Amino acid sequence: MMNWKKSLRAAGLVAALTFSLVGCNTEGSYSPQEIIDHALQETKEPLTYYGEYTMDIGEAGEKAQVKEWIKDGKRRIESTTENGEHSIAVNDGSQIMMYDVVKNTVHKLDISNGGLDEIPSQRDQLELLFNAVKDTHDVKIAGEEKIAGRDTYKVVAKAKKDDTLIGDIEVWVDKKTWVTLKTITNSAGSKMTSEYTKMDENAKIDDAQFTLDIPKDATVEEINVPEPESVTLDTVKEQLGEFLMVPEVNGLTLEDISLDKGIEDHSAYTFSYAKNGQQDISVTVVKATSNAKKEEPIKGQKEMDIRGQKGTVMDEKNFRYISWQENGYQYSIFLAKPKLTIEDLVAYAKQMTIVK
């Protein structure tokens, strides 16, 4: 099953990355929302530029120097860390190639079909971040500053509560290009900072930059992103044996069962339920691993007794779930309807019965 905690931390990293965004070049006085809207504005002529920025991932103590080339939607990123790691990633519009210079390994990902929903665009990432905090944070303009010698608006989103998954966010948006030149995020208890030291939208960039020359002795691996597949209840029974399931009562109906294939024996089965024609909850079941290393709790996560077992809950406005282990399985119930509460999810857990 996908490690959702790592995914949340990765979301913070995505937010800290540079966003290749461009809008109209307009002077004037703006509200925080207007600045964000400009940064998210679509453009028919993507910006071409060369940039250099630093990244500091506070929790892991990692620092990196990054060089970036952007042209016609294509992208090249070269990253060097303090501990000697060196990587080159190229997106030429049809595939992404990631070259680890030290290990001499290349990973290739085909994106030509355009159906890779797992990797949202940079614009989508920024939009997702601000949509996630619009009800939980106070957003305001905190002044105008220079970043990489360029004039920017500083926008701050301050969390209304201390104990929250996504903490305070600060972004500095270039007045001319609307590119986000600096970002500081506090997500899942980890502070991450990205800051440009150079940004040149007049740079002459050769198309050869978006061709990656692979050494003959490099190890090359194709990355396949498997799509979840629908399966029958009989299939789940064959694979899991006896397990718990939310019954279809009180108008609740099972719409679909999907299989996310994991490594070894960690495939996850997700049961999607609806009520009154609308998505209600999803329940994920995966075999628990007895030798799993206990992870540190993340911000916003709390312990709770669920079905007589020690479980965990996350109660954020747009992200609520409960999770626990029982008789060799890990169960997680996520809300699909925003109005549902943690108490609603616990009630569903109590209703679960054994299927054979």
Protein backbone atom coordinates (compact mmCIF):
# COMPACT_ATOMS: atom_id res chain seq x y z
CA MET A 1 0.00 0.00 0.00
CA MET A 2 1.16 3.51 -0.67
CA ASN A 3 2.82 5.04 2.40
CA TRP A 4 0.50 8.02 2.84
CA LYS A 5 2.72 9.64 5.47
CA LYS A 6 5.58 9.80 3.00
CA SER A 7 3.13 11.12 0.45
CA LEU A 8 2.14 13.94 2.77
CA ARG A 9 5.76 14.86 3.40
CA ALA A 10 6.33 14.70 -0.35
CA ALA A 11 3.42 17.09 -0.81
CA GLY A 12 5.30 19.58 1.32
CA LEU A 13 8.37 19.04 -0.84
CA VAL A 14 6.33 19.58 -3.99
CA ALA A 15 5.04 22.81 -2.53
CA ALA A 16 8.59 23.90 -1.75
CA LEU A 17 9.75 23.26 -5.31
CA THR A 18 9.83 26.06 -7.85
CA PHE A 19 6.61 26.60 -9.74
CA SER A 20 7.02 27.42 -13.44
CA LEU A 21 4.04 29.72 -13.59
CA VAL A 22 3.37 32.82 -15.65
CA GLY A 23 0.55 35.33 -15.93
CA CYS A 24 0.07 38.81 -17.27
CA ASN A 25 2.51 41.60 -16.52
CA THR A 26 0.42 44.19 -14.70
CA GLU A 27 1.39 46.83 -12.17
CA GLY A 28 -0.90 47.89 -9.39
CA SER A 29 -2.22 47.04 -5.98
CA TYR A 30 -3.41 43.47 -5.47
CA SER A 31 -5.15 41.43 -2.84
CA PRO A 32 -3.52 38.13 -1.78
CA GLN A 33 -6.09 36.22 -3.84
CA GLU A 34 -5.42 38.34 -6.93
CA ILE A 35 -1.68 37.64 -6.66
CA ILE A 36 -2.35 33.92 -6.32
CA ASP A 37 -4.77 34.06 -9.25
CA HIS A 38 -2.12 35.73 -11.41
CA ALA A 39 0.41 33.07 -10.46
CA LEU A 40 -2.09 30.37 -11.41
CA GLN A 41 -3.22 32.00 -14.65
CA GLU A 42 -2.93 29.88 -17.78
CA THR A 43 -0.82 31.21 -20.64
CA LYS A 44 -0.62 30.29 -24.31
CA GLU A 45 3.07 31.18 -24.40
CA PRO A 46 4.95 29.38 -21.58
CA LEU A 47 7.82 31.36 -20.10
CA THR A 48 11.36 30.50 -21.13
CA TYR A 49 14.02 31.01 -18.48
CA TYR A 50 17.16 29.74 -16.79
CA GLY A 51 17.21 29.68 -13.01
CA GLU A 52 19.29 28.64 -10.04
CA TYR A 53 17.88 27.99 -6.59
CA THR A 54 18.69 26.35 -3.28
CA MET A 55 16.59 23.83 -1.43
CA ASP A 56 16.73 23.11 2.28
CA ILE A 57 14.69 20.17 3.56
CA GLY A 58 14.77 20.89 7.26
CA GLU A 59 13.62 17.57 8.73
CA ALA A 60 16.11 15.48 6.76
CA GLY A 61 18.87 18.08 7.03
CA GLU A 62 19.35 17.94 3.26
CA LYS A 63 20.50 20.91 1.21
CA ALA A 64 20.77 21.07 -2.56
CA GLN A 65 21.89 23.46 -5.27
CA VAL A 66 19.64 23.31 -8.32
CA LYS A 67 19.97 24.57 -11.88
CA GLU A 68 16.86 24.75 -14.05
CA TRP A 69 16.14 25.25 -17.77
CA ILE A 70 12.55 25.88 -18.94
CA LYS A 71 11.46 26.23 -22.56
CA ASP A 72 8.20 25.49 -24.42
CA GLY A 73 6.94 23.33 -21.57
CA LYS A 74 10.15 21.30 -21.50
CA ARG A 75 12.25 21.19 -18.36
CA ARG A 76 15.76 20.22 -17.26
CA ILE A 77 16.85 20.16 -13.63
CA GLU A 78 20.36 19.46 -12.32
CA SER A 79 20.68 18.97 -8.57
CA THR A 80 23.77 18.63 -6.39
CA THR A 81 23.50 17.95 -2.65
CA GLU A 82 25.95 18.64 0.16
CA ASN A 83 26.60 14.93 0.64
CA GLY A 84 27.79 14.49 -2.94
CA GLU A 85 24.64 13.30 -4.69
CA HIS A 86 24.29 14.54 -8.26
CA SER A 87 21.22 14.02 -10.45
CA ILE A 88 19.90 15.26 -13.78
CA ALA A 89 16.21 15.12 -14.71
CA VAL A 90 14.85 15.97 -18.16
CA ASN A 91 11.23 16.27 -19.26
CA ASP A 92 11.12 16.56 -23.05
CA GLY A 93 7.33 16.49 -23.27
CA SER A 94 7.04 12.79 -24.08
CA GLN A 95 9.15 11.18 -21.39
CA ILE A 96 10.91 11.96 -18.13
CA MET A 97 14.46 10.71 -17.68
CA MET A 98 16.21 10.80 -14.31
CA TYR A 99 19.96 10.18 -14.27
CA ASP A 100 21.81 9.49 -11.02
CA VAL A 101 25.35 10.53 -11.95
CA VAL A 102 27.01 8.91 -8.93
CA LYS A 103 25.21 5.55 -9.19
CA ASN A 104 25.23 5.71 -13.01
CA THR A 105 21.58 4.69 -13.19
CA VAL A 106 18.77 6.05 -15.38
CA HIS A 107 15.04 5.80 -14.78
CA LYS A 108 12.69 6.49 -17.70
CA LEU A 109 8.99 7.31 -17.45
CA ASP A 110 6.72 7.53 -20.51
CA ILE A 111 4.29 10.48 -20.29
CA SER A 112 3.34 10.63 -23.97
CA ASN A 113 -0.23 9.42 -23.40
CA GLY A 114 -0.93 12.39 -21.14
CA GLY A 115 -2.82 10.23 -18.66
CA LEU A 116 -0.39 10.47 -15.75
CA ASP A 117 -2.72 11.92 -13.11
CA GLU A 118 -0.29 10.95 -10.33
CA ILE A 119 2.05 13.80 -11.35
CA PRO A 120 0.07 17.06 -11.34
CA SER A 121 1.37 20.10 -13.16
CA GLN A 122 3.28 22.74 -11.23
CA ARG A 123 0.30 25.08 -11.55
CA ASP A 124 -1.97 22.36 -10.15
CA GLN A 125 0.41 21.81 -7.22
CA LEU A 126 0.30 25.47 -6.20
CA GLU A 127 -3.46 25.63 -6.68
CA LEU A 128 -3.90 22.48 -4.58
CA LEU A 129 -1.76 23.96 -1.81
CA PHE A 130 -3.76 27.19 -1.53
CA ASN A 131 -7.11 25.45 -1.91
CA ALA A 132 -6.14 23.14 0.94
CA VAL A 133 -5.53 26.05 3.33
CA LYS A 134 -8.10 28.63 2.25
CA ASP A 135 -10.44 27.72 5.13
CA THR A 136 -7.80 26.86 7.73
CA HIS A 137 -5.33 29.73 7.23
CA ASP A 138 -5.40 33.52 7.24
CA VAL A 139 -3.87 34.73 3.95
CA LYS A 140 -2.42 38.22 3.64
CA ILE A 141 0.20 40.28 1.81
CA ALA A 142 3.23 40.73 4.06
CA GLY A 143 5.08 43.32 2.00
CA GLU A 144 7.31 43.51 -1.03
CA GLU A 145 10.88 42.15 -1.08
CA LYS A 146 13.68 41.46 -3.52
CA ILE A 147 14.55 37.84 -4.28
CA ALA A 148 17.42 37.14 -6.67
CA GLY A 149 17.49 40.88 -7.34
CA ARG A 150 13.88 40.86 -8.52
CA ASP A 151 10.82 42.61 -7.05
CA THR A 152 8.33 40.26 -5.44
CA TYR A 153 5.11 40.23 -3.47
CA LYS A 154 5.32 38.27 -0.23
CA VAL A 155 2.15 36.30 0.57
CA VAL A 156 1.76 34.59 3.94
CA ALA A 157 -0.81 31.93 4.85
CA LYS A 158 -0.84 31.60 8.65
CA ALA A 159 -2.50 28.55 10.21
CA LYS A 160 -5.40 29.36 12.54
CA LYS A 161 -4.50 26.37 14.74
CA ASP A 162 -1.07 25.30 16.04
CA ASP A 163 -1.57 21.55 15.79
CA THR A 164 -2.32 21.16 12.09
CA LEU A 165 -1.00 19.04 9.23
CA ILE A 166 -0.16 22.03 7.02
CA GLY A 167 1.42 24.84 9.02
CA ASP A 168 2.38 28.36 7.99
CA ILE A 169 3.24 29.01 4.34
CA GLU A 170 5.21 31.88 2.83
CA VAL A 171 5.60 32.54 -0.89
CA TRP A 172 7.38 35.31 -2.78
CA VAL A 173 5.88 35.93 -6.25
CA ASP A 174 7.84 37.75 -8.96
CA LYS A 175 6.00 40.95 -9.97
CA LYS A 176 7.07 40.69 -13.60
CA THR A 177 6.74 37.00 -14.48
CA TRP A 178 4.53 35.78 -11.59
CA VAL A 179 6.95 32.92 -11.01
CA THR A 180 7.20 31.89 -7.35
CA LEU A 181 10.82 32.74 -6.47
CA LYS A 182 10.82 31.64 -2.85
CA THR A 183 8.68 29.25 -0.82
CA ILE A 184 8.75 28.26 2.84
CA THR A 185 6.36 25.52 3.93
CA ASN A 186 5.75 23.71 7.19
CA SER A 187 4.02 20.46 6.33
CA ALA A 188 3.73 17.21 8.30
CA GLY A 189 6.06 18.70 10.91
CA SER A 190 8.85 19.42 8.42
CA LYS A 191 10.06 22.85 7.28
CA MET A 192 11.18 23.17 3.67
CA THR A 193 12.63 26.18 1.90
CA SER A 194 13.25 26.86 -1.79
CA GLU A 195 14.84 30.15 -2.92
CA TYR A 196 16.08 31.38 -6.27
CA THR A 197 19.49 32.99 -6.43
CA LYS A 198 19.26 33.62 -10.18
CA MET A 199 16.39 33.91 -12.64
CA ASP A 200 16.87 35.02 -16.27
CA GLU A 201 13.83 34.99 -18.56
CA ASN A 202 15.99 36.34 -21.41
CA ALA A 203 18.34 33.34 -21.41
CA LYS A 204 19.06 31.68 -24.76
CA ILE A 205 18.34 27.99 -24.22
CA ASP A 206 19.38 25.42 -26.82
CA ASP A 207 17.01 22.50 -27.47
CA ALA A 208 19.94 20.16 -26.83
CA GLN A 209 19.51 20.86 -23.12
CA PHE A 210 16.42 18.63 -23.20
CA THR A 211 18.29 15.64 -24.59
CA LEU A 212 19.97 13.43 -22.01
CA ASP A 213 23.08 11.60 -23.19
CA ILE A 214 23.04 8.25 -21.40
CA PRO A 215 26.45 6.64 -20.76
CA LYS A 216 26.83 3.24 -22.45
CA ASP A 217 27.60 1.52 -19.16
CA ALA A 218 24.63 3.04 -17.29
CA THR A 219 21.88 0.85 -15.87
CA VAL A 220 18.57 1.86 -17.46
CA GLU A 221 15.18 1.01 -15.95
CA GLU A 222 11.72 1.74 -17.31
CA ILE A 223 9.28 3.01 -14.67
CA ASN A 224 5.73 1.79 -15.01
CA VAL A 225 2.97 3.49 -13.03
CA PRO A 226 0.33 0.78 -12.60
CA GLU A 227 -3.29 1.86 -12.67
CA PRO A 228 -5.56 0.49 -9.93
CA GLU A 229 -7.65 -2.37 -11.30
CA SER A 230 -11.21 -3.24 -10.35
CA VAL A 231 -11.63 -6.66 -8.75
CA THR A 232 -14.52 -8.73 -7.44
CA LEU A 233 -15.30 -9.49 -3.82
CA ASP A 234 -14.58 -13.18 -4.51
CA THR A 235 -11.07 -12.22 -5.63
CA VAL A 236 -10.47 -10.33 -2.38
CA LYS A 237 -11.73 -13.31 -0.36
CA GLU A 238 -9.35 -15.63 -2.21
CA GLN A 239 -6.38 -13.38 -1.47
CA LEU A 240 -7.14 -12.26 2.09
CA GLY A 241 -9.28 -15.02 3.56
CA GLU A 242 -11.28 -13.70 6.51
CA PHE A 243 -11.31 -9.92 6.86
CA LEU A 244 -13.56 -7.11 8.07
CA MET A 245 -15.90 -5.22 5.77
CA VAL A 246 -18.40 -2.38 6.18
CA PRO A 247 -21.88 -3.85 5.46
CA GLU A 248 -24.24 -2.36 2.89
CA VAL A 249 -26.93 -1.10 5.25
CA ASN A 250 -28.85 2.13 5.81
CA GLY A 251 -28.54 3.18 2.17
CA LEU A 252 -24.78 2.53 1.94
CA THR A 253 -23.80 0.73 -1.27
CA LEU A 254 -20.48 -0.75 -2.39
CA GLU A 255 -19.65 0.89 -5.73
CA ASP A 256 -16.22 -0.56 -6.52
CA ILE A 257 -13.29 -2.58 -5.19
CA SER A 258 -9.89 -1.60 -6.58
CA LEU A 259 -6.51 -3.28 -6.21
CA ASP A 260 -3.30 -1.29 -5.85
CA LYS A 261 -0.46 -3.74 -6.33
CA GLY A 262 2.41 -3.16 -3.93
CA ILE A 263 5.76 -4.83 -3.46
CA GLU A 264 5.91 -8.36 -2.02
CA ASP A 265 2.66 -8.98 -0.12
CA HIS A 266 1.57 -5.39 0.40
CA SER A 267 -1.19 -5.08 -2.17
CA ALA A 268 -4.02 -2.86 -0.98
CA TYR A 269 -7.72 -3.37 -1.61
CA THR A 270 -9.87 -0.23 -1.51
CA PHE A 271 -13.64 -0.49 -1.07
CA SER A 272 -15.49 2.61 -2.33
CA TYR A 273 -18.95 3.24 -0.88
CA ALA A 274 -21.71 5.65 -1.86
CA LYS A 275 -24.90 6.86 -0.22
CA ASN A 276 -27.77 8.63 -1.97
CA GLY A 277 -25.83 8.57 -5.22
CA GLN A 278 -22.77 10.37 -3.76
CA GLN A 279 -19.38 9.06 -2.65
CA ASP A 280 -19.36 8.52 1.11
CA ILE A 281 -16.30 6.64 2.38
CA SER A 282 -13.45 4.46 1.16
CA VAL A 283 -12.00 1.58 3.18
CA THR A 284 -8.51 0.25 2.49
CA VAL A 285 -7.40 -3.20 3.67
CA VAL A 286 -3.83 -4.48 3.51
CA LYS A 287 -1.99 -7.27 5.26
CA ALA A 288 -0.09 -5.86 8.26
CA THR A 289 3.64 -6.45 8.50
CA SER A 290 4.84 -7.70 11.88
CA ASN A 291 8.37 -6.35 11.38
CA ALA A 292 7.30 -2.88 10.28
CA LYS A 293 9.30 -0.09 11.88
CA LYS A 294 7.16 2.16 14.05
CA GLU A 295 6.98 5.61 12.51
CA GLU A 296 6.98 8.85 14.40
CA PRO A 297 3.55 10.51 14.47
CA ILE A 298 3.12 13.53 12.25
CA LYS A 299 1.51 16.82 13.17
CA GLY A 300 -2.23 16.62 13.46
CA GLN A 301 -2.22 12.86 14.00
CA LYS A 302 -3.63 11.56 17.29
CA GLU A 303 -4.11 8.19 18.94
CA MET A 304 -7.61 6.80 19.45
CA ASP A 305 -9.15 3.51 20.51
CA ILE A 306 -10.87 1.94 17.48
CA ARG A 307 -12.73 -1.35 17.83
CA GLY A 308 -10.75 -2.06 20.99
CA GLN A 309 -7.43 -1.55 19.17
CA LYS A 310 -4.90 1.26 19.44
CA GLY A 311 -5.41 3.31 16.31
CA THR A 312 -4.64 6.73 14.85
CA VAL A 313 -6.81 9.51 13.47
CA MET A 314 -6.29 12.61 11.36
CA ASP A 315 -8.96 15.27 11.73
CA GLU A 316 -8.20 18.05 9.25
CA LYS A 317 -10.95 20.01 7.50
CA ASN A 318 -10.21 18.50 4.10
CA PHE A 319 -8.50 15.30 5.22
CA ARG A 320 -10.04 12.95 7.79
CA TYR A 321 -9.25 9.29 8.29
CA ILE A 322 -8.96 6.58 10.95
CA SER A 323 -6.51 3.67 10.87
CA TRP A 324 -5.85 0.61 13.02
CA GLN A 325 -4.57 -2.98 12.96
CA GLU A 326 -6.76 -5.96 13.76
CA ASN A 327 -6.12 -9.70 13.38
CA GLY A 328 -3.22 -9.28 10.96
CA TYR A 329 -4.70 -6.56 8.76
CA GLN A 330 -4.27 -2.79 8.55
CA TYR A 331 -7.56 -0.96 8.03
CA SER A 332 -7.99 2.68 7.03
CA ILE A 333 -11.26 4.53 6.50
CA PHE A 334 -11.14 7.82 4.59
CA LEU A 335 -13.97 10.26 4.11
CA ALA A 336 -15.22 11.11 0.66
CA LYS A 337 -17.95 13.46 1.88
CA PRO A 338 -16.57 16.62 3.60
CA LYS A 339 -19.46 16.77 6.09
CA LEU A 340 -18.53 13.44 7.67
CA THR A 341 -16.79 13.57 11.06
CA ILE A 342 -14.29 11.31 12.81
CA GLU A 343 -17.21 10.03 14.89
CA ASP A 344 -18.96 9.02 11.65
CA LEU A 345 -15.89 7.06 10.54
CA VAL A 346 -15.58 5.35 13.93
CA ALA A 347 -19.26 4.41 13.70
CA TYR A 348 -18.62 2.76 10.36
CA ALA A 349 -15.67 0.87 11.88
CA LYS A 350 -17.89 -0.46 14.66
CA GLN A 351 -20.36 -1.78 12.06
CA MET A 352 -17.70 -3.85 10.26
CA THR A 353 -18.28 -7.58 10.18
CA ILE A 354 -16.17 -10.57 9.16
CA VAL A 355 -16.54 -11.88 5.62
CA LYS A 356 -15.21 -15.28 4.57
